[in-house]
């Protein structure tokens, strides 16, 4: 994997995790029902999963 691709994965991972954190903070204050909570929680789980995988691949050692 090239250095450029690894850098892009790091950026994707960090931005996904940041978006999930900011979204959860904004989402909790905007929730009006249980259905809203389900949508926010599902979206944050997806963002955190994508971010975690991208960060893992971006930061793992290059010799693998």
PDB file of N, CA and C in Angstrom:
ATOM      1  N   UNK A   1       0.853  -1.175   0.000  1.00  0.00           N
ATOM      2  CA  UNK A   1       0.000   0.000   0.000  1.00  0.00           C
ATOM      3  C   UNK A   1       0.898   1.238   0.000  1.00  0.00           C
ATOM      4  N   UNK A   2       0.557   2.181  -0.828  1.00  0.00           N
ATOM      5  CA  UNK A   2       1.397   3.367  -0.964  1.00  0.00           C
ATOM      6  C   UNK A   2       1.238   4.304   0.237  1.00  0.00           C
ATOM      7  N   UNK A   3       2.218   5.157   0.393  1.00  0.00           N
ATOM      8  CA  UNK A   3       2.195   6.141   1.479  1.00  0.00           C
ATOM      9  C   UNK A   3       1.027   7.102   1.308  1.00  0.00           C
ATOM     10  N   UNK A   4       0.730   7.443   0.072  1.00  0.00           N
ATOM     11  CA  UNK A   4      -0.382   8.364  -0.198  1.00  0.00           C
ATOM     12  C   UNK A   4      -1.715   7.746   0.229  1.00  0.00           C
ATOM     13  N   UNK A   5      -1.906   6.468  -0.090  1.00  0.00           N
ATOM     14  CA  UNK A   5      -3.143   5.784   0.299  1.00  0.00           C
ATOM     15  C   UNK A   5      -3.255   5.698   1.814  1.00  0.00           C
ATOM     16  N   UNK A   6      -2.141   5.400   2.477  1.00  0.00           N
ATOM     17  CA  UNK A   6      -2.154   5.316   3.936  1.00  0.00           C
ATOM     18  C   UNK A   6      -2.496   6.672   4.557  1.00  0.00           C
ATOM     19  N   UNK A   7      -1.976   7.748   3.976  1.00  0.00           N
ATOM     20  CA  UNK A   7      -2.298   9.085   4.459  1.00  0.00           C
ATOM     21  C   UNK A   7      -3.765   9.414   4.289  1.00  0.00           C
ATOM     22  N   UNK A   8      -4.319   9.015   3.162  1.00  0.00           N
ATOM     23  CA  UNK A   8      -5.744   9.259   2.928  1.00  0.00           C
ATOM     24  C   UNK A   8      -6.610   8.466   3.891  1.00  0.00           C
ATOM     25  N   UNK A   9      -6.197   7.232   4.205  1.00  0.00           N
ATOM     26  CA  UNK A   9      -6.950   6.431   5.166  1.00  0.00           C
ATOM     27  C   UNK A   9      -6.888   7.050   6.564  1.00  0.00           C
ATOM     28  N   UNK A  10      -5.752   7.609   6.924  1.00  0.00           N
ATOM     29  CA  UNK A  10      -5.638   8.287   8.220  1.00  0.00           C
ATOM     30  C   UNK A  10      -6.583   9.474   8.279  1.00  0.00           C
ATOM     31  N   UNK A  11      -6.630  10.249   7.209  1.00  0.00           N
ATOM     32  CA  UNK A  11      -7.525  11.418   7.159  1.00  0.00           C
ATOM     33  C   UNK A  11      -8.979  10.965   7.211  1.00  0.00           C
ATOM     34  N   UNK A  12      -9.320   9.924   6.450  1.00  0.00           N
ATOM     35  CA  UNK A  12     -10.693   9.391   6.464  1.00  0.00           C
ATOM     36  C   UNK A  12     -11.069   8.915   7.860  1.00  0.00           C
ATOM     37  N   UNK A  13     -10.164   8.200   8.514  1.00  0.00           N
ATOM     38  CA  UNK A  13     -10.443   7.685   9.846  1.00  0.00           C
ATOM     39  C   UNK A  13     -10.639   8.785  10.867  1.00  0.00           C
ATOM     40  N   UNK A  14      -9.746   9.746  10.858  1.00  0.00           N
ATOM     41  CA  UNK A  14      -9.854  10.846  11.816  1.00  0.00           C
ATOM     42  C   UNK A  14     -11.104  11.684  11.573  1.00  0.00           C
ATOM     43  N   UNK A  15     -11.437  11.923  10.309  1.00  0.00           N
ATOM     44  CA  UNK A  15     -12.626  12.726  10.025  1.00  0.00           C
ATOM     45  C   UNK A  15     -13.900  11.959  10.365  1.00  0.00           C
ATOM     46  N   UNK A  16     -13.916  10.645  10.152  1.00  0.00           N
ATOM     47  CA  UNK A  16     -15.095   9.853  10.503  1.00  0.00           C
ATOM     48  C   UNK A  16     -15.328   9.826  12.007  1.00  0.00           C
ATOM     49  N   UNK A  17     -14.259   9.628  12.756  1.00  0.00           N
ATOM     50  CA  UNK A  17     -14.395   9.608  14.212  1.00  0.00           C
ATOM     51  C   UNK A  17     -14.805  10.985  14.725  1.00  0.00           C
ATOM     52  N   UNK A  18     -14.212  12.046  14.183  1.00  0.00           N
ATOM     53  CA  UNK A  18     -14.577  13.404  14.594  1.00  0.00           C
ATOM     54  C   UNK A  18     -16.037  13.699  14.269  1.00  0.00           C
ATOM     55  N   UNK A  19     -16.469  13.304  13.086  1.00  0.00           N
ATOM     56  CA  UNK A  19     -17.863  13.519  12.699  1.00  0.00           C
ATOM     57  C   UNK A  19     -18.819  12.750  13.608  1.00  0.00           C
ATOM     58  N   UNK A  20     -18.447  11.546  13.987  1.00  0.00           N
ATOM     59  CA  UNK A  20     -19.296  10.767  14.890  1.00  0.00           C
ATOM     60  C   UNK A  20     -19.410  11.432  16.256  1.00  0.00           C
ATOM     61  N   UNK A  21     -18.300  11.946  16.768  1.00  0.00           N
ATOM     62  CA  UNK A  21     -18.329  12.603  18.086  1.00  0.00           C
ATOM     63  C   UNK A  21     -19.150  13.879  18.027  1.00  0.00           C
ATOM     64  N   UNK A  22     -18.897  14.704  17.021  1.00  0.00           N
ATOM     65  CA  UNK A  22     -19.652  15.956  16.887  1.00  0.00           C
ATOM     66  C   UNK A  22     -21.129  15.663  16.630  1.00  0.00           C
ATOM     67  N   UNK A  23     -21.399  14.672  15.790  1.00  0.00           N
ATOM     68  CA  UNK A  23     -22.789  14.300  15.506  1.00  0.00           C
ATOM     69  C   UNK A  23     -23.518  13.796  16.735  1.00  0.00           C
ATOM     70  N   UNK A  24     -22.818  13.057  17.575  1.00  0.00           N
ATOM     71  CA  UNK A  24     -23.483  12.557  18.773  1.00  0.00           C
ATOM     72  C   UNK A  24     -23.778  13.689  19.753  1.00  0.00           C
ATOM     73  N   UNK A  25     -22.851  14.638  19.860  1.00  0.00           N
ATOM     74  CA  UNK A  25     -23.102  15.779  20.750  1.00  0.00           C
ATOM     75  C   UNK A  25     -24.275  16.618  20.249  1.00  0.00           C
ATOM     76  N   UNK A  26     -24.316  16.869  18.950  1.00  0.00           N
ATOM     77  CA  UNK A  26     -25.425  17.647  18.381  1.00  0.00           C
ATOM     78  C   UNK A  26     -26.709  16.832  18.385  1.00  0.00           C
ATOM     79  N   UNK A  27     -26.573  15.543  18.163  1.00  0.00           N
ATOM     80  CA  UNK A  27     -27.751  14.678  18.072  1.00  0.00           C
ATOM     81  C   UNK A  27     -28.491  14.524  19.384  1.00  0.00           C
ATOM     82  N   UNK A  28     -27.762  14.405  20.479  1.00  0.00           N
ATOM     83  CA  UNK A  28     -28.436  14.216  21.765  1.00  0.00           C
ATOM     84  C   UNK A  28     -29.304  15.413  22.110  1.00  0.00           C
ATOM     85  N   UNK A  29     -28.874  16.601  21.753  1.00  0.00           N
ATOM     86  CA  UNK A  29     -29.671  17.777  22.087  1.00  0.00           C
ATOM     87  C   UNK A  29     -30.860  17.952  21.142  1.00  0.00           C
ATOM     88  N   UNK A  30     -30.790  17.366  19.953  1.00  0.00           N
ATOM     89  CA  UNK A  30     -31.854  17.546  18.968  1.00  0.00           C
ATOM     90  C   UNK A  30     -32.880  16.421  18.968  1.00  0.00           C
ATOM     91  N   UNK A  31     -32.650  15.371  19.718  1.00  0.00           N
ATOM     92  CA  UNK A  31     -33.562  14.217  19.702  1.00  0.00           C
ATOM     93  C   UNK A  31     -34.919  14.550  20.298  1.00  0.00           C
ATOM     94  N   UNK A  32     -35.927  14.057  19.621  1.00  0.00           N
ATOM     95  CA  UNK A  32     -37.286  14.290  20.102  1.00  0.00           C
ATOM     96  C   UNK A  32     -38.045  12.993  20.358  1.00  0.00           C
ATOM     97  N   UNK A  33     -37.537  11.881  19.873  1.00  0.00           N
ATOM     98  CA  UNK A  33     -38.245  10.618  20.046  1.00  0.00           C
ATOM     99  C   UNK A  33     -37.252   9.461  20.073  1.00  0.00           C
ATOM    100  N   UNK A  34     -37.764   8.277  20.360  1.00  0.00           N
ATOM    101  CA  UNK A  34     -36.929   7.085  20.381  1.00  0.00           C
ATOM    102  C   UNK A  34     -36.443   6.745  18.981  1.00  0.00           C
ATOM    103  N   UNK A  35     -37.259   7.017  17.960  1.00  0.00           N
ATOM    104  CA  UNK A  35     -36.847   6.760  16.578  1.00  0.00           C
ATOM    105  C   UNK A  35     -35.653   7.637  16.196  1.00  0.00           C
ATOM    106  N   UNK A  36     -35.668   8.882  16.629  1.00  0.00           N
ATOM    107  CA  UNK A  36     -34.516   9.761  16.389  1.00  0.00           C
ATOM    108  C   UNK A  36     -33.266   9.192  17.046  1.00  0.00           C
ATOM    109  N   UNK A  37     -33.411   8.673  18.250  1.00  0.00           N
ATOM    110  CA  UNK A  37     -32.269   8.104  18.962  1.00  0.00           C
ATOM    111  C   UNK A  37     -31.693   6.923  18.189  1.00  0.00           C
ATOM    112  N   UNK A  38     -32.553   6.087  17.649  1.00  0.00           N
ATOM    113  CA  UNK A  38     -32.096   4.938  16.865  1.00  0.00           C
ATOM    114  C   UNK A  38     -31.314   5.360  15.636  1.00  0.00           C
ATOM    115  N   UNK A  39     -31.781   6.396  14.969  1.00  0.00           N
ATOM    116  CA  UNK A  39     -31.091   6.896  13.776  1.00  0.00           C
ATOM    117  C   UNK A  39     -29.721   7.443  14.145  1.00  0.00           C
ATOM    118  N   UNK A  40     -29.646   8.257  15.198  1.00  0.00           N
ATOM    119  CA  UNK A  40     -28.366   8.837  15.609  1.00  0.00           C
ATOM    120  C   UNK A  40     -27.385   7.759  16.061  1.00  0.00           C
ATOM    121  N   UNK A  41     -27.867   6.810  16.835  1.00  0.00           N
ATOM    122  CA  UNK A  41     -26.984   5.758  17.336  1.00  0.00           C
ATOM    123  C   UNK A  41     -26.470   4.899  16.189  1.00  0.00           C
ATOM    124  N   UNK A  42     -27.352   4.540  15.247  1.00  0.00           N
ATOM    125  CA  UNK A  42     -26.932   3.735  14.099  1.00  0.00           C
ATOM    126  C   UNK A  42     -25.910   4.483  13.245  1.00  0.00           C
ATOM    127  N   UNK A  43     -26.167   5.744  12.972  1.00  0.00           N
ATOM    128  CA  UNK A  43     -25.228   6.536  12.161  1.00  0.00           C
ATOM    129  C   UNK A  43     -23.876   6.663  12.856  1.00  0.00           C
ATOM    130  N   UNK A  44     -23.873   6.862  14.159  1.00  0.00           N
ATOM    131  CA  UNK A  44     -22.616   6.995  14.888  1.00  0.00           C
ATOM    132  C   UNK A  44     -21.849   5.680  14.938  1.00  0.00           C
ATOM    133  N   UNK A  45     -22.553   4.560  15.059  1.00  0.00           N
ATOM    134  CA  UNK A  45     -21.883   3.253  15.038  1.00  0.00           C
ATOM    135  C   UNK A  45     -21.224   3.023  13.689  1.00  0.00           C
ATOM    136  N   UNK A  46     -21.923   3.363  12.606  1.00  0.00           N
ATOM    137  CA  UNK A  46     -21.355   3.200  11.262  1.00  0.00           C
ATOM    138  C   UNK A  46     -20.128   4.087  11.092  1.00  0.00           C
ATOM    139  N   UNK A  47     -20.233   5.354  11.489  1.00  0.00           N
ATOM    140  CA  UNK A  47     -19.100   6.271  11.359  1.00  0.00           C
ATOM    141  C   UNK A  47     -17.902   5.827  12.199  1.00  0.00           C
ATOM    142  N   UNK A  48     -18.160   5.383  13.407  1.00  0.00           N
ATOM    143  CA  UNK A  48     -17.061   4.941  14.260  1.00  0.00           C
ATOM    144  C   UNK A  48     -16.401   3.676  13.724  1.00  0.00           C
ATOM    145  N   UNK A  49     -17.204   2.773  13.148  1.00  0.00           N
ATOM    146  CA  UNK A  49     -16.644   1.549  12.568  1.00  0.00           C
ATOM    147  C   UNK A  49     -15.781   1.866  11.366  1.00  0.00           C
ATOM    148  N   UNK A  50     -16.287   2.701  10.460  1.00  0.00           N
ATOM    149  CA  UNK A  50     -15.501   3.101   9.285  1.00  0.00           C
ATOM    150  C   UNK A  50     -14.222   3.802   9.723  1.00  0.00           C
ATOM    151  N   UNK A  51     -14.348   4.696  10.692  1.00  0.00           N
ATOM    152  CA  UNK A  51     -13.177   5.410  11.184  1.00  0.00           C
ATOM    153  C   UNK A  51     -12.155   4.500  11.826  1.00  0.00           C
ATOM    154  N   UNK A  52     -12.617   3.552  12.618  1.00  0.00           N
ATOM    155  CA  UNK A  52     -11.689   2.639  13.293  1.00  0.00           C
ATOM    156  C   UNK A  52     -10.951   1.753  12.297  1.00  0.00           C
ATOM    157  N   UNK A  53     -11.654   1.239  11.304  1.00  0.00           N
ATOM    158  CA  UNK A  53     -11.008   0.393  10.288  1.00  0.00           C
ATOM    159  C   UNK A  53     -10.005   1.210   9.479  1.00  0.00           C
ATOM    160  N   UNK A  54     -10.395   2.415   9.083  1.00  0.00           N
ATOM    161  CA  UNK A  54      -9.491   3.258   8.299  1.00  0.00           C
ATOM    162  C   UNK A  54      -8.248   3.637   9.109  1.00  0.00           C
ATOM    163  N   UNK A  55      -8.433   3.947  10.377  1.00  0.00           N
ATOM    164  CA  UNK A  55      -7.284   4.278  11.220  1.00  0.00           C
ATOM    165  C   UNK A  55      -6.384   3.069  11.426  1.00  0.00           C
ATOM    166  N   UNK A  56      -6.972   1.903  11.618  1.00  0.00           N
ATOM    167  CA  UNK A  56      -6.168   0.687  11.798  1.00  0.00           C
ATOM    168  C   UNK A  56      -5.315   0.414  10.563  1.00  0.00           C
ATOM    169  N   UNK A  57      -5.950   0.465   9.395  1.00  0.00           N
ATOM    170  CA  UNK A  57      -5.212   0.200   8.156  1.00  0.00           C
ATOM    171  C   UNK A  57      -4.199   1.305   7.893  1.00  0.00           C
ATOM    172  N   UNK A  58      -4.551   2.538   8.178  1.00  0.00           N
ATOM    173  CA  UNK A  58      -3.644   3.652   7.932  1.00  0.00           C
ATOM    174  C   UNK A  58      -2.426   3.674   8.837  1.00  0.00           C
ATOM    175  N   UNK A  59      -2.582   3.212  10.068  1.00  0.00           N
ATOM    176  CA  UNK A  59      -1.483   3.297  11.035  1.00  0.00           C
ATOM    177  C   UNK A  59      -0.731   1.989  11.253  1.00  0.00           C
ATOM    178  N   UNK A  60      -1.205   0.885  10.664  1.00  0.00           N
ATOM    179  CA  UNK A  60      -0.468  -0.360  10.893  1.00  0.00           C
ATOM    180  C   UNK A  60       0.878  -0.316  10.179  1.00  0.00           C
ATOM    181  N   UNK A  61       1.754  -1.165  10.568  1.00  0.00           N
ATOM    182  CA  UNK A  61       3.124  -1.128  10.047  1.00  0.00           C
ATOM    183  C   UNK A  61       3.149  -1.417   8.553  1.00  0.00           C
ATOM    184  N   UNK A  62       4.041  -0.753   7.858  1.00  0.00           N
ATOM    185  CA  UNK A  62       4.108  -0.843   6.396  1.00  0.00           C
ATOM    186  C   UNK A  62       4.690  -2.167   5.908  1.00  0.00           C
ATOM    187  N   UNK A  63       5.353  -2.916   6.770  1.00  0.00           N
ATOM    188  CA  UNK A  63       6.008  -4.138   6.318  1.00  0.00           C
ATOM    189  C   UNK A  63       5.091  -5.347   6.271  1.00  0.00           C
ATOM    190  N   UNK A  64       3.813  -5.171   6.532  1.00  0.00           N
ATOM    191  CA  UNK A  64       2.880  -6.297   6.470  1.00  0.00           C
ATOM    192  C   UNK A  64       2.419  -6.540   5.067  1.00  0.00           C
TER     193      UNK A  64
END
